[in-house]
Every structure is written in structure tokens, then in C-alpha cells.
N, C-alpha and C. Protein backbone atom coordinates (compact mmCIF):
# COMPACT_ATOMS: atom_id res chain seq x y z
N MET A 1 118.02 87.53 35.47
CA MET A 1 116.88 86.68 35.73
C MET A 1 117.18 85.23 35.32
N VAL A 2 118.00 85.06 34.31
CA VAL A 2 118.34 83.70 33.89
C VAL A 2 119.14 83.01 34.99
N TRP A 3 120.08 83.73 35.58
CA TRP A 3 120.87 83.13 36.65
C TRP A 3 120.00 82.83 37.87
N GLY A 4 119.04 83.69 38.13
CA GLY A 4 118.11 83.43 39.23
C GLY A 4 117.27 82.18 38.98
N LEU A 5 116.84 82.00 37.73
CA LEU A 5 116.07 80.81 37.39
C LEU A 5 116.91 79.54 37.54
N ILE A 6 118.16 79.63 37.15
CA ILE A 6 119.07 78.48 37.33
C ILE A 6 119.27 78.20 38.81
N GLY A 7 119.40 79.26 39.62
CA GLY A 7 119.56 79.08 41.06
C GLY A 7 118.35 78.44 41.70
N VAL A 8 117.15 78.85 41.28
CA VAL A 8 115.93 78.26 41.82
C VAL A 8 115.85 76.78 41.44
N ALA A 9 116.23 76.47 40.21
CA ALA A 9 116.20 75.07 39.78
C ALA A 9 117.20 74.22 40.56
N LEU A 10 118.39 74.76 40.78
CA LEU A 10 119.41 74.00 41.52
C LEU A 10 119.04 73.82 42.99
N SER A 11 118.44 74.85 43.58
CA SER A 11 118.03 74.68 44.98
C SER A 11 116.84 73.72 45.07
N GLY A 12 116.00 73.68 44.05
CA GLY A 12 114.93 72.68 44.01
C GLY A 12 115.49 71.27 43.89
N LEU A 13 116.55 71.13 43.11
CA LEU A 13 117.24 69.84 43.02
C LEU A 13 117.81 69.46 44.39
N GLY A 14 118.39 70.44 45.08
CA GLY A 14 118.91 70.18 46.42
C GLY A 14 117.82 69.73 47.38
N LEU A 15 116.63 70.31 47.23
CA LEU A 15 115.51 69.88 48.06
C LEU A 15 115.17 68.42 47.79
N GLY A 16 115.16 68.05 46.53
CA GLY A 16 114.84 66.68 46.18
C GLY A 16 115.90 65.69 46.66
N LEU A 17 117.16 66.11 46.60
CA LEU A 17 118.25 65.22 47.01
C LEU A 17 118.27 64.99 48.52
N THR A 18 117.88 66.00 49.28
CA THR A 18 117.96 65.88 50.74
C THR A 18 116.62 65.50 51.36
N ALA A 19 115.64 65.16 50.55
CA ALA A 19 114.31 64.83 51.07
C ALA A 19 114.35 63.55 51.90
N SER A 20 113.31 63.40 52.73
CA SER A 20 113.25 62.21 53.58
C SER A 20 112.49 61.06 52.91
N ARG A 21 111.88 61.33 51.77
CA ARG A 21 111.19 60.27 51.03
C ARG A 21 111.53 60.41 49.56
N GLN A 22 111.34 59.36 48.82
CA GLN A 22 111.68 59.36 47.41
C GLN A 22 110.65 60.16 46.62
N LEU A 23 111.14 61.07 45.79
CA LEU A 23 110.26 61.88 44.96
C LEU A 23 110.10 61.22 43.59
N MET A 24 108.93 61.42 42.99
CA MET A 24 108.64 60.81 41.70
C MET A 24 108.42 61.91 40.66
N ALA A 25 109.12 61.81 39.55
CA ALA A 25 108.93 62.76 38.45
C ALA A 25 107.69 62.35 37.67
N GLY A 26 106.75 63.26 37.55
CA GLY A 26 105.52 62.95 36.85
C GLY A 26 104.63 61.98 37.60
N GLY A 27 104.97 61.66 38.81
CA GLY A 27 104.15 60.78 39.61
C GLY A 27 104.50 59.31 39.50
N PHE A 28 105.41 58.93 38.59
CA PHE A 28 105.70 57.51 38.44
C PHE A 28 107.17 57.17 38.18
N VAL A 29 108.01 58.13 37.82
CA VAL A 29 109.44 57.86 37.58
C VAL A 29 110.25 58.29 38.81
N PRO A 30 110.93 57.35 39.48
CA PRO A 30 111.71 57.74 40.66
C PRO A 30 112.90 58.61 40.27
N VAL A 31 113.08 59.70 41.01
CA VAL A 31 114.16 60.63 40.69
C VAL A 31 115.49 60.06 41.17
N ARG A 32 115.58 59.71 42.39
CA ARG A 32 116.75 59.04 42.96
C ARG A 32 116.46 58.71 44.40
N VAL A 33 117.29 57.92 45.00
CA VAL A 33 117.10 57.55 46.40
C VAL A 33 117.39 58.79 47.25
N PRO A 34 116.48 59.16 48.15
CA PRO A 34 116.70 60.35 48.98
C PRO A 34 117.82 60.13 49.99
N LEU A 35 118.50 61.21 50.32
CA LEU A 35 119.61 61.14 51.27
C LEU A 35 119.15 61.28 52.71
N SER A 36 117.90 61.70 52.93
CA SER A 36 117.31 61.85 54.26
C SER A 36 118.17 62.71 55.19
N MET A 37 118.30 63.98 54.83
CA MET A 37 119.03 64.96 55.64
C MET A 37 118.06 66.07 56.03
N PRO A 38 117.30 65.88 57.11
CA PRO A 38 116.23 66.83 57.43
C PRO A 38 116.70 68.26 57.72
N GLN A 39 117.84 68.42 58.41
CA GLN A 39 118.31 69.77 58.71
C GLN A 39 118.76 70.49 57.46
N LEU A 40 119.51 69.80 56.60
CA LEU A 40 119.95 70.41 55.35
C LEU A 40 118.75 70.68 54.45
N ASN A 41 117.77 69.78 54.45
CA ASN A 41 116.56 69.97 53.65
C ASN A 41 115.80 71.21 54.11
N ALA A 42 115.72 71.42 55.42
CA ALA A 42 115.02 72.61 55.94
C ALA A 42 115.75 73.88 55.52
N TRP A 43 117.07 73.88 55.60
CA TRP A 43 117.86 75.05 55.22
C TRP A 43 117.73 75.33 53.73
N ILE A 44 117.85 74.30 52.90
CA ILE A 44 117.72 74.48 51.45
C ILE A 44 116.30 74.92 51.10
N GLY A 45 115.31 74.40 51.80
CA GLY A 45 113.93 74.83 51.58
C GLY A 45 113.74 76.30 51.89
N TRP A 46 114.36 76.78 52.96
CA TRP A 46 114.29 78.19 53.31
C TRP A 46 114.93 79.04 52.21
N VAL A 47 116.12 78.64 51.77
CA VAL A 47 116.82 79.37 50.71
C VAL A 47 116.00 79.35 49.42
N HIS A 48 115.47 78.19 49.07
CA HIS A 48 114.68 78.03 47.85
C HIS A 48 113.45 78.94 47.85
N GLY A 49 112.78 79.02 48.97
CA GLY A 49 111.59 79.87 49.08
C GLY A 49 111.93 81.34 48.93
N ARG A 50 112.98 81.80 49.61
CA ARG A 50 113.37 83.21 49.51
C ARG A 50 113.87 83.53 48.11
N GLU A 51 114.60 82.61 47.53
CA GLU A 51 115.12 82.82 46.18
C GLU A 51 113.98 82.93 45.17
N PHE A 52 112.97 82.08 45.32
CA PHE A 52 111.83 82.13 44.42
C PHE A 52 111.06 83.44 44.57
N CYS A 53 110.85 83.88 45.80
CA CYS A 53 110.14 85.14 46.03
C CYS A 53 110.92 86.33 45.47
N ALA A 54 112.23 86.34 45.67
CA ALA A 54 113.06 87.42 45.14
C ALA A 54 113.04 87.43 43.61
N LEU A 55 113.09 86.27 43.00
CA LEU A 55 113.05 86.20 41.54
C LEU A 55 111.69 86.64 41.02
N SER A 56 110.63 86.29 41.72
CA SER A 56 109.29 86.73 41.33
C SER A 56 109.17 88.25 41.41
N ALA A 57 109.68 88.83 42.48
CA ALA A 57 109.64 90.29 42.63
C ALA A 57 110.47 90.97 41.55
N LEU A 58 111.64 90.44 41.27
CA LEU A 58 112.49 91.00 40.23
C LEU A 58 111.80 90.94 38.87
N THR A 59 111.14 89.84 38.59
CA THR A 59 110.42 89.70 37.33
C THR A 59 109.27 90.69 37.23
N ALA A 60 108.54 90.89 38.32
CA ALA A 60 107.43 91.86 38.31
C ALA A 60 107.94 93.28 38.10
N VAL A 61 109.03 93.64 38.77
CA VAL A 61 109.61 94.98 38.59
C VAL A 61 110.11 95.16 37.16
N HIS A 62 110.73 94.14 36.63
CA HIS A 62 111.25 94.18 35.26
C HIS A 62 110.11 94.37 34.26
N ALA A 63 109.05 93.61 34.43
CA ALA A 63 107.89 93.73 33.53
C ALA A 63 107.24 95.11 33.65
N ALA A 64 107.10 95.60 34.88
CA ALA A 64 106.51 96.92 35.09
C ALA A 64 107.35 98.01 34.44
N PHE A 65 108.66 97.90 34.53
CA PHE A 65 109.53 98.88 33.89
C PHE A 65 109.33 98.89 32.39
N HIS A 66 109.25 97.72 31.78
CA HIS A 66 109.10 97.68 30.34
C HIS A 66 107.73 98.17 29.90
N VAL A 67 106.69 97.87 30.64
CA VAL A 67 105.37 98.40 30.32
C VAL A 67 105.39 99.92 30.43
N TRP A 68 105.98 100.44 31.50
CA TRP A 68 106.11 101.88 31.66
C TRP A 68 106.88 102.49 30.49
N ARG A 69 107.98 101.86 30.13
CA ARG A 69 108.81 102.39 29.06
C ARG A 69 108.05 102.45 27.74
N HIS A 70 107.32 101.39 27.44
CA HIS A 70 106.59 101.36 26.18
C HIS A 70 105.41 102.31 26.17
N VAL A 71 104.68 102.39 27.28
CA VAL A 71 103.47 103.21 27.31
C VAL A 71 103.79 104.68 27.56
N ARG A 72 104.59 104.96 28.56
CA ARG A 72 104.86 106.35 28.93
C ARG A 72 105.78 107.04 27.93
N LEU A 73 106.84 106.38 27.51
CA LEU A 73 107.80 107.01 26.60
C LEU A 73 107.42 106.85 25.13
N ARG A 74 106.43 106.01 24.87
CA ARG A 74 105.96 105.76 23.50
C ARG A 74 107.13 105.51 22.55
N ASP A 75 107.87 104.46 22.83
CA ASP A 75 109.07 104.17 22.04
C ASP A 75 108.80 103.38 20.75
N ASN A 76 107.55 103.14 20.44
CA ASN A 76 107.12 102.45 19.22
C ASN A 76 107.53 100.99 19.14
N ALA A 77 108.11 100.45 20.17
CA ALA A 77 108.46 99.03 20.15
C ALA A 77 107.21 98.16 20.15
N LEU A 78 106.15 98.61 20.80
CA LEU A 78 104.92 97.84 20.82
C LEU A 78 104.24 97.83 19.45
N ARG A 79 104.42 98.88 18.68
CA ARG A 79 103.84 98.90 17.34
C ARG A 79 104.47 97.88 16.42
N ILE A 80 105.71 97.55 16.67
CA ILE A 80 106.38 96.53 15.87
C ILE A 80 105.78 95.16 16.16
N MET A 81 105.38 94.93 17.41
CA MET A 81 104.87 93.62 17.82
C MET A 81 103.37 93.48 17.66
N ALA A 82 102.64 94.59 17.74
CA ALA A 82 101.17 94.52 17.72
C ALA A 82 100.64 94.63 16.29
N PRO A 83 99.46 94.07 16.04
CA PRO A 83 98.86 94.23 14.72
C PRO A 83 98.45 95.69 14.48
N ARG A 84 98.36 96.06 13.23
CA ARG A 84 98.11 97.45 12.86
C ARG A 84 96.77 97.98 13.41
N TRP A 85 95.74 97.15 13.48
CA TRP A 85 94.44 97.61 13.98
C TRP A 85 94.48 97.97 15.47
N ASP A 86 95.51 97.53 16.16
CA ASP A 86 95.64 97.78 17.60
C ASP A 86 96.50 99.01 17.91
N TRP A 87 97.00 99.68 16.90
CA TRP A 87 97.94 100.77 17.10
C TRP A 87 97.31 101.99 17.76
N ARG A 88 96.02 102.19 17.64
CA ARG A 88 95.42 103.41 18.19
C ARG A 88 95.54 103.48 19.71
N TRP A 89 95.71 102.33 20.38
CA TRP A 89 95.85 102.30 21.84
C TRP A 89 97.32 102.34 22.27
N LEU A 90 98.23 102.31 21.32
CA LEU A 90 99.65 102.25 21.68
C LEU A 90 100.31 103.61 21.58
């Protein structure tokens, strides 16, 4: 998931670099002069969108697995993290 997050960030950078207008960080700091490459921007945008959706799905599956593992297998890992008064539900 870390590598996926890095990939999403780098493809987002590619979107900014190939944009047709100058992007502003925080609304007032110019990022850099855009290269104005519309075809490359469209392709990178497509990749960026699919990459983000795949990373989101992977994260959801990963979270669901861990919830299942903690609840169904009762591995006591949640008891280490939760306060003692909450243990009756774990």
C-alpha cells in the first residue's frame, strides 16, 4: 500500500506537470510553469484515476481482513489497543 500511495502521488505530480494551466499550491503558491501536453495529461489522468481506485479497493479489502481477523478469530490484539471498559464487546 505504501508503494501504491507513492505511485498515486507521482502520477498526480505528472498531472500537474503536463497540465494546460498553472496550478497553485494552497491557492496562492505557483507549483511550476505547466508544460501544456494535453494528450499526455489525458493518459496520466486515466492512469492516476485507475491507480487511485485500485489503491482504495486494496485498502478496503485490507481493512476488512483485519477487522475479520480481530473479531472472528478473537486474537486479543484489539484488547491491547482498547480501554478495559470496552473489552466486553471484543
